[in-house]
Amino acid sequence: MKVIASKDLTEPELAILKEAGRILSAHSIRYDSFVEIISRNCGYDIGDVQRILYMLSKKNILKLIVRAE
């Protein structure tokens, strides 16, 4: 992950970004499990997690690549 200025992120964005980095550095994971783990560990609703992941992607801070199997 790139080094970013955390002052530009909201508290939920920063928490979710840190948790995503921790999870994704270990292994690849199913998207639904990924969102559920972040939701559980950060205390945000699943919908909020998905919205924030989307916003982080639009800001070019997080790049999620989805592949169908």
PDB file of N, CA and C in Angstrom:
ATOM      1  N   MET A   1       0.819  -1.176   0.000  1.00  0.00           N
ATOM      2  CA  MET A   1       0.000   0.000   0.000  1.00  0.00           C
ATOM      3  C   MET A   1       0.867   1.245   0.000  1.00  0.00           C
ATOM      4  N   LYS A   2       0.380   2.261  -0.644  1.00  0.00           N
ATOM      5  CA  LYS A   2       1.102   3.526  -0.669  1.00  0.00           C
ATOM      6  C   LYS A   2       1.069   4.184   0.703  1.00  0.00           C
ATOM      7  N   VAL A   3       2.069   4.994   0.965  1.00  0.00           N
ATOM      8  CA  VAL A   3       2.054   5.822   2.165  1.00  0.00           C
ATOM      9  C   VAL A   3       1.180   7.027   1.852  1.00  0.00           C
ATOM     10  N   ILE A   4       0.199   7.282   2.687  1.00  0.00           N
ATOM     11  CA  ILE A   4      -0.722   8.389   2.432  1.00  0.00           C
ATOM     12  C   ILE A   4      -0.775   9.308   3.644  1.00  0.00           C
ATOM     13  N   ALA A   5      -1.223  10.502   3.423  1.00  0.00           N
ATOM     14  CA  ALA A   5      -1.379  11.453   4.521  1.00  0.00           C
ATOM     15  C   ALA A   5      -2.698  11.158   5.219  1.00  0.00           C
ATOM     16  N   SER A   6      -2.625  10.650   6.435  1.00  0.00           N
ATOM     17  CA  SER A   6      -3.839  10.259   7.143  1.00  0.00           C
ATOM     18  C   SER A   6      -4.713  11.454   7.510  1.00  0.00           C
ATOM     19  N   LYS A   7      -4.160  12.649   7.489  1.00  0.00           N
ATOM     20  CA  LYS A   7      -4.970  13.832   7.806  1.00  0.00           C
ATOM     21  C   LYS A   7      -6.038  14.085   6.750  1.00  0.00           C
ATOM     22  N   ASP A   8      -5.867  13.519   5.555  1.00  0.00           N
ATOM     23  CA  ASP A   8      -6.836  13.703   4.484  1.00  0.00           C
ATOM     24  C   ASP A   8      -7.988  12.710   4.560  1.00  0.00           C
ATOM     25  N   LEU A   9      -7.914  11.743   5.476  1.00  0.00           N
ATOM     26  CA  LEU A   9      -8.935  10.707   5.582  1.00  0.00           C
ATOM     27  C   LEU A   9      -9.776  10.901   6.833  1.00  0.00           C
ATOM     28  N   THR A  10     -11.037  10.465   6.743  1.00  0.00           N
ATOM     29  CA  THR A  10     -11.886  10.474   7.927  1.00  0.00           C
ATOM     30  C   THR A  10     -11.475   9.318   8.829  1.00  0.00           C
ATOM     31  N   GLU A  11     -11.941   9.337  10.061  1.00  0.00           N
ATOM     32  CA  GLU A  11     -11.611   8.258  10.996  1.00  0.00           C
ATOM     33  C   GLU A  11     -12.085   6.894  10.486  1.00  0.00           C
ATOM     34  N   PRO A  12     -13.336   6.773   9.974  1.00  0.00           N
ATOM     35  CA  PRO A  12     -13.760   5.478   9.438  1.00  0.00           C
ATOM     36  C   PRO A  12     -12.913   5.025   8.244  1.00  0.00           C
ATOM     37  N   GLU A  13     -12.567   5.955   7.348  1.00  0.00           N
ATOM     38  CA  GLU A  13     -11.739   5.597   6.196  1.00  0.00           C
ATOM     39  C   GLU A  13     -10.385   5.068   6.643  1.00  0.00           C
ATOM     40  N   LEU A  14      -9.779   5.725   7.598  1.00  0.00           N
ATOM     41  CA  LEU A  14      -8.467   5.310   8.082  1.00  0.00           C
ATOM     42  C   LEU A  14      -8.538   3.953   8.773  1.00  0.00           C
ATOM     43  N   ALA A  15      -9.555   3.738   9.598  1.00  0.00           N
ATOM     44  CA  ALA A  15      -9.710   2.460  10.297  1.00  0.00           C
ATOM     45  C   ALA A  15      -9.907   1.315   9.310  1.00  0.00           C
ATOM     46  N   ILE A  16     -10.752   1.531   8.313  1.00  0.00           N
ATOM     47  CA  ILE A  16     -11.028   0.486   7.326  1.00  0.00           C
ATOM     48  C   ILE A  16      -9.807   0.245   6.454  1.00  0.00           C
ATOM     49  N   LEU A  17      -9.093   1.282   6.079  1.00  0.00           N
ATOM     50  CA  LEU A  17      -7.881   1.127   5.278  1.00  0.00           C
ATOM     51  C   LEU A  17      -6.830   0.315   6.027  1.00  0.00           C
ATOM     52  N   LYS A  18      -6.636   0.601   7.304  1.00  0.00           N
ATOM     53  CA  LYS A  18      -5.660  -0.148   8.101  1.00  0.00           C
ATOM     54  C   LYS A  18      -6.059  -1.613   8.223  1.00  0.00           C
ATOM     55  N   GLU A  19      -7.333  -1.870   8.480  1.00  0.00           N
ATOM     56  CA  GLU A  19      -7.808  -3.249   8.625  1.00  0.00           C
ATOM     57  C   GLU A  19      -7.706  -3.989   7.297  1.00  0.00           C
ATOM     58  N   ALA A  20      -8.037  -3.326   6.196  1.00  0.00           N
ATOM     59  CA  ALA A  20      -7.927  -3.951   4.877  1.00  0.00           C
ATOM     60  C   ALA A  20      -6.480  -4.327   4.587  1.00  0.00           C
ATOM     61  N   GLY A  21      -5.559  -3.446   4.905  1.00  0.00           N
ATOM     62  CA  GLY A  21      -4.139  -3.738   4.692  1.00  0.00           C
ATOM     63  C   GLY A  21      -3.676  -4.925   5.503  1.00  0.00           C
ATOM     64  N   ARG A  22      -4.148  -5.010   6.736  1.00  0.00           N
ATOM     65  CA  ARG A  22      -3.772  -6.131   7.600  1.00  0.00           C
ATOM     66  C   ARG A  22      -4.297  -7.455   7.039  1.00  0.00           C
ATOM     67  N   ILE A  23      -5.540  -7.464   6.605  1.00  0.00           N
ATOM     68  CA  ILE A  23      -6.159  -8.691   6.089  1.00  0.00           C
ATOM     69  C   ILE A  23      -5.536  -9.100   4.763  1.00  0.00           C
ATOM     70  N   LEU A  24      -5.399  -8.160   3.848  1.00  0.00           N
ATOM     71  CA  LEU A  24      -4.947  -8.487   2.499  1.00  0.00           C
ATOM     72  C   LEU A  24      -3.465  -8.795   2.417  1.00  0.00           C
ATOM     73  N   SER A  25      -2.682  -8.373   3.404  1.00  0.00           N
ATOM     74  CA  SER A  25      -1.254  -8.685   3.362  1.00  0.00           C
ATOM     75  C   SER A  25      -1.003 -10.159   3.667  1.00  0.00           C
ATOM     76  N   ALA A  26      -1.951 -10.804   4.307  1.00  0.00           N
ATOM     77  CA  ALA A  26      -1.781 -12.204   4.687  1.00  0.00           C
ATOM     78  C   ALA A  26      -2.128 -13.160   3.551  1.00  0.00           C
ATOM     79  N   HIS A  27      -3.212 -12.904   2.842  1.00  0.00           N
ATOM     80  CA  HIS A  27      -3.660 -13.842   1.812  1.00  0.00           C
ATOM     81  C   HIS A  27      -4.794 -13.226   1.005  1.00  0.00           C
ATOM     82  N   SER A  28      -5.180 -13.906  -0.071  1.00  0.00           N
ATOM     83  CA  SER A  28      -6.364 -13.460  -0.799  1.00  0.00           C
ATOM     84  C   SER A  28      -7.588 -14.009  -0.066  1.00  0.00           C
ATOM     85  N   ILE A  29      -8.719 -13.360  -0.252  1.00  0.00           N
ATOM     86  CA  ILE A  29      -9.912 -13.701   0.513  1.00  0.00           C
ATOM     87  C   ILE A  29     -11.144 -13.386  -0.323  1.00  0.00           C
ATOM     88  N   ARG A  30     -12.223 -14.113  -0.077  1.00  0.00           N
ATOM     89  CA  ARG A  30     -13.487 -13.830  -0.760  1.00  0.00           C
ATOM     90  C   ARG A  30     -13.976 -12.446  -0.355  1.00  0.00           C
ATOM     91  N   TYR A  31     -14.604 -11.739  -1.303  1.00  0.00           N
ATOM     92  CA  TYR A  31     -15.049 -10.365  -1.041  1.00  0.00           C
ATOM     93  C   TYR A  31     -16.034 -10.290   0.125  1.00  0.00           C
ATOM     94  N   ASP A  32     -17.012 -11.203   0.160  1.00  0.00           N
ATOM     95  CA  ASP A  32     -18.002 -11.149   1.235  1.00  0.00           C
ATOM     96  C   ASP A  32     -17.359 -11.364   2.603  1.00  0.00           C
ATOM     97  N   SER A  33     -16.417 -12.281   2.681  1.00  0.00           N
ATOM     98  CA  SER A  33     -15.702 -12.517   3.940  1.00  0.00           C
ATOM     99  C   SER A  33     -14.860 -11.302   4.318  1.00  0.00           C
ATOM    100  N   PHE A  34     -14.232 -10.704   3.324  1.00  0.00           N
ATOM    101  CA  PHE A  34     -13.400  -9.515   3.529  1.00  0.00           C
ATOM    102  C   PHE A  34     -14.217  -8.384   4.156  1.00  0.00           C
ATOM    103  N   VAL A  35     -15.379  -8.109   3.576  1.00  0.00           N
ATOM    104  CA  VAL A  35     -16.239  -7.037   4.077  1.00  0.00           C
ATOM    105  C   VAL A  35     -16.767  -7.374   5.475  1.00  0.00           C
ATOM    106  N   GLU A  36     -17.149  -8.629   5.695  1.00  0.00           N
ATOM    107  CA  GLU A  36     -17.660  -9.034   7.010  1.00  0.00           C
ATOM    108  C   GLU A  36     -16.595  -8.907   8.094  1.00  0.00           C
ATOM    109  N   ILE A  37     -15.371  -9.302   7.797  1.00  0.00           N
ATOM    110  CA  ILE A  37     -14.282  -9.203   8.777  1.00  0.00           C
ATOM    111  C   ILE A  37     -14.010  -7.742   9.126  1.00  0.00           C
ATOM    112  N   ILE A  38     -13.943  -6.894   8.110  1.00  0.00           N
ATOM    113  CA  ILE A  38     -13.712  -5.471   8.367  1.00  0.00           C
ATOM    114  C   ILE A  38     -14.859  -4.895   9.194  1.00  0.00           C
ATOM    115  N   SER A  39     -16.086  -5.240   8.839  1.00  0.00           N
ATOM    116  CA  SER A  39     -17.250  -4.759   9.573  1.00  0.00           C
ATOM    117  C   SER A  39     -17.186  -5.167  11.038  1.00  0.00           C
ATOM    118  N   ARG A  40     -16.890  -6.414  11.277  1.00  0.00           N
ATOM    119  CA  ARG A  40     -16.816  -6.941  12.646  1.00  0.00           C
ATOM    120  C   ARG A  40     -15.666  -6.299  13.430  1.00  0.00           C
ATOM    121  N   ASN A  41     -14.486  -6.215  12.814  1.00  0.00           N
ATOM    122  CA  ASN A  41     -13.306  -5.702  13.515  1.00  0.00           C
ATOM    123  C   ASN A  41     -13.331  -4.192  13.735  1.00  0.00           C
ATOM    124  N   CYS A  42     -13.960  -3.455  12.831  1.00  0.00           N
ATOM    125  CA  CYS A  42     -13.988  -1.992  12.947  1.00  0.00           C
ATOM    126  C   CYS A  42     -15.276  -1.472  13.582  1.00  0.00           C
ATOM    127  N   GLY A  43     -16.310  -2.315  13.636  1.00  0.00           N
ATOM    128  CA  GLY A  43     -17.563  -1.900  14.253  1.00  0.00           C
ATOM    129  C   GLY A  43     -18.472  -1.069  13.368  1.00  0.00           C
ATOM    130  N   TYR A  44     -18.300  -1.156  12.049  1.00  0.00           N
ATOM    131  CA  TYR A  44     -19.151  -0.422  11.119  1.00  0.00           C
ATOM    132  C   TYR A  44     -20.096  -1.392  10.426  1.00  0.00           C
ATOM    133  N   ASP A  45     -21.270  -0.889  10.000  1.00  0.00           N
ATOM    134  CA  ASP A  45     -22.216  -1.708   9.250  1.00  0.00           C
ATOM    135  C   ASP A  45     -21.594  -2.145   7.931  1.00  0.00           C
ATOM    136  N   ILE A  46     -22.050  -3.288   7.426  1.00  0.00           N
ATOM    137  CA  ILE A  46     -21.526  -3.818   6.164  1.00  0.00           C
ATOM    138  C   ILE A  46     -21.706  -2.799   5.035  1.00  0.00           C
ATOM    139  N   GLY A  47     -22.860  -2.154   4.981  1.00  0.00           N
ATOM    140  CA  GLY A  47     -23.101  -1.141   3.948  1.00  0.00           C
ATOM    141  C   GLY A  47     -22.128   0.019   4.037  1.00  0.00           C
ATOM    142  N   ASP A  48     -21.827   0.446   5.259  1.00  0.00           N
ATOM    143  CA  ASP A  48     -20.864   1.533   5.446  1.00  0.00           C
ATOM    144  C   ASP A  48     -19.468   1.106   5.001  1.00  0.00           C
ATOM    145  N   VAL A  49     -19.096  -0.126   5.321  1.00  0.00           N
ATOM    146  CA  VAL A  49     -17.782  -0.642   4.910  1.00  0.00           C
ATOM    147  C   VAL A  49     -17.684  -0.654   3.392  1.00  0.00           C
ATOM    148  N   GLN A  50     -18.721  -1.151   2.723  1.00  0.00           N
ATOM    149  CA  GLN A  50     -18.698  -1.197   1.262  1.00  0.00           C
ATOM    150  C   GLN A  50     -18.622   0.204   0.668  1.00  0.00           C
ATOM    151  N   ARG A  51     -19.365   1.148   1.234  1.00  0.00           N
ATOM    152  CA  ARG A  51     -19.342   2.527   0.737  1.00  0.00           C
ATOM    153  C   ARG A  51     -17.958   3.145   0.920  1.00  0.00           C
ATOM    154  N   ILE A  52     -17.355   2.916   2.075  1.00  0.00           N
ATOM    155  CA  ILE A  52     -16.033   3.488   2.343  1.00  0.00           C
ATOM    156  C   ILE A  52     -14.974   2.834   1.467  1.00  0.00           C
ATOM    157  N   LEU A  53     -15.056   1.519   1.260  1.00  0.00           N
ATOM    158  CA  LEU A  53     -14.121   0.854   0.345  1.00  0.00           C
ATOM    159  C   LEU A  53     -14.243   1.452  -1.055  1.00  0.00           C
ATOM    160  N   TYR A  54     -15.470   1.704  -1.485  1.00  0.00           N
ATOM    161  CA  TYR A  54     -15.705   2.324  -2.786  1.00  0.00           C
ATOM    162  C   TYR A  54     -15.063   3.710  -2.846  1.00  0.00           C
ATOM    163  N   MET A  55     -15.265   4.511  -1.801  1.00  0.00           N
ATOM    164  CA  MET A  55     -14.700   5.862  -1.779  1.00  0.00           C
ATOM    165  C   MET A  55     -13.172   5.832  -1.755  1.00  0.00           C
ATOM    166  N   LEU A  56     -12.587   4.903  -1.007  1.00  0.00           N
ATOM    167  CA  LEU A  56     -11.126   4.771  -0.987  1.00  0.00           C
ATOM    168  C   LEU A  56     -10.602   4.380  -2.367  1.00  0.00           C
ATOM    169  N   SER A  57     -11.362   3.546  -3.065  1.00  0.00           N
ATOM    170  CA  SER A  57     -10.977   3.158  -4.420  1.00  0.00           C
ATOM    171  C   SER A  57     -11.073   4.356  -5.370  1.00  0.00           C
ATOM    172  N   LYS A  58     -12.150   5.134  -5.264  1.00  0.00           N
ATOM    173  CA  LYS A  58     -12.323   6.299  -6.132  1.00  0.00           C
ATOM    174  C   LYS A  58     -11.251   7.358  -5.888  1.00  0.00           C
ATOM    175  N   LYS A  59     -10.734   7.426  -4.663  1.00  0.00           N
ATOM    176  CA  LYS A  59      -9.669   8.375  -4.324  1.00  0.00           C
ATOM    177  C   LYS A  59      -8.286   7.818  -4.677  1.00  0.00           C
ATOM    178  N   ASN A  60      -8.244   6.633  -5.297  1.00  0.00           N
ATOM    179  CA  ASN A  60      -6.997   5.950  -5.659  1.00  0.00           C
ATOM    180  C   ASN A  60      -6.110   5.665  -4.453  1.00  0.00           C
ATOM    181  N   ILE A  61      -6.730   5.364  -3.321  1.00  0.00           N
ATOM    182  CA  ILE A  61      -5.988   5.036  -2.113  1.00  0.00           C
ATOM    183  C   ILE A  61      -5.911   3.524  -1.934  1.00  0.00           C
ATOM    184  N   LEU A  62      -6.961   2.837  -2.332  1.00  0.00           N
ATOM    185  CA  LEU A  62      -7.032   1.386  -2.216  1.00  0.00           C
ATOM    186  C   LEU A  62      -7.446   0.824  -3.562  1.00  0.00           C
ATOM    187  N   LYS A  63      -6.772  -0.216  -3.997  1.00  0.00           N
ATOM    188  CA  LYS A  63      -7.097  -0.833  -5.275  1.00  0.00           C
ATOM    189  C   LYS A  63      -7.525  -2.273  -5.014  1.00  0.00           C
ATOM    190  N   LEU A  64      -8.816  -2.537  -5.174  1.00  0.00           N
ATOM    191  CA  LEU A  64      -9.342  -3.888  -5.028  1.00  0.00           C
ATOM    192  C   LEU A  64      -9.584  -4.457  -6.416  1.00  0.00           C
ATOM    193  N   ILE A  65      -9.074  -5.649  -6.638  1.00  0.00           N
ATOM    194  CA  ILE A  65      -9.271  -6.321  -7.915  1.00  0.00           C
ATOM    195  C   ILE A  65     -10.114  -7.561  -7.650  1.00  0.00           C
ATOM    196  N   VAL A  66     -11.248  -7.660  -8.326  1.00  0.00           N
ATOM    197  CA  VAL A  66     -12.166  -8.774  -8.127  1.00  0.00           C
ATOM    198  C   VAL A  66     -12.055  -9.706  -9.322  1.00  0.00           C
ATOM    199  N   ARG A  67     -11.959 -10.994  -9.021  1.00  0.00           N
ATOM    200  CA  ARG A  67     -11.822 -11.994 -10.077  1.00  0.00           C
ATOM    201  C   ARG A  67     -12.831 -13.103  -9.809  1.00  0.00           C
ATOM    202  N   ALA A  68     -13.598 -13.480 -10.809  1.00  0.00           N
ATOM    203  CA  ALA A  68     -14.573 -14.566 -10.663  1.00  0.00           C
ATOM    204  C   ALA A  68     -13.873 -15.904 -10.845  1.00  0.00           C
ATOM    205  N   GLU A  69     -14.297 -16.869 -10.075  1.00  0.00           N
ATOM    206  CA  GLU A  69     -13.743 -18.224 -10.211  1.00  0.00           C
ATOM    207  C   GLU A  69     -14.823 -19.177 -10.624  1.00  0.00           C
TER     208      GLU A  69
END
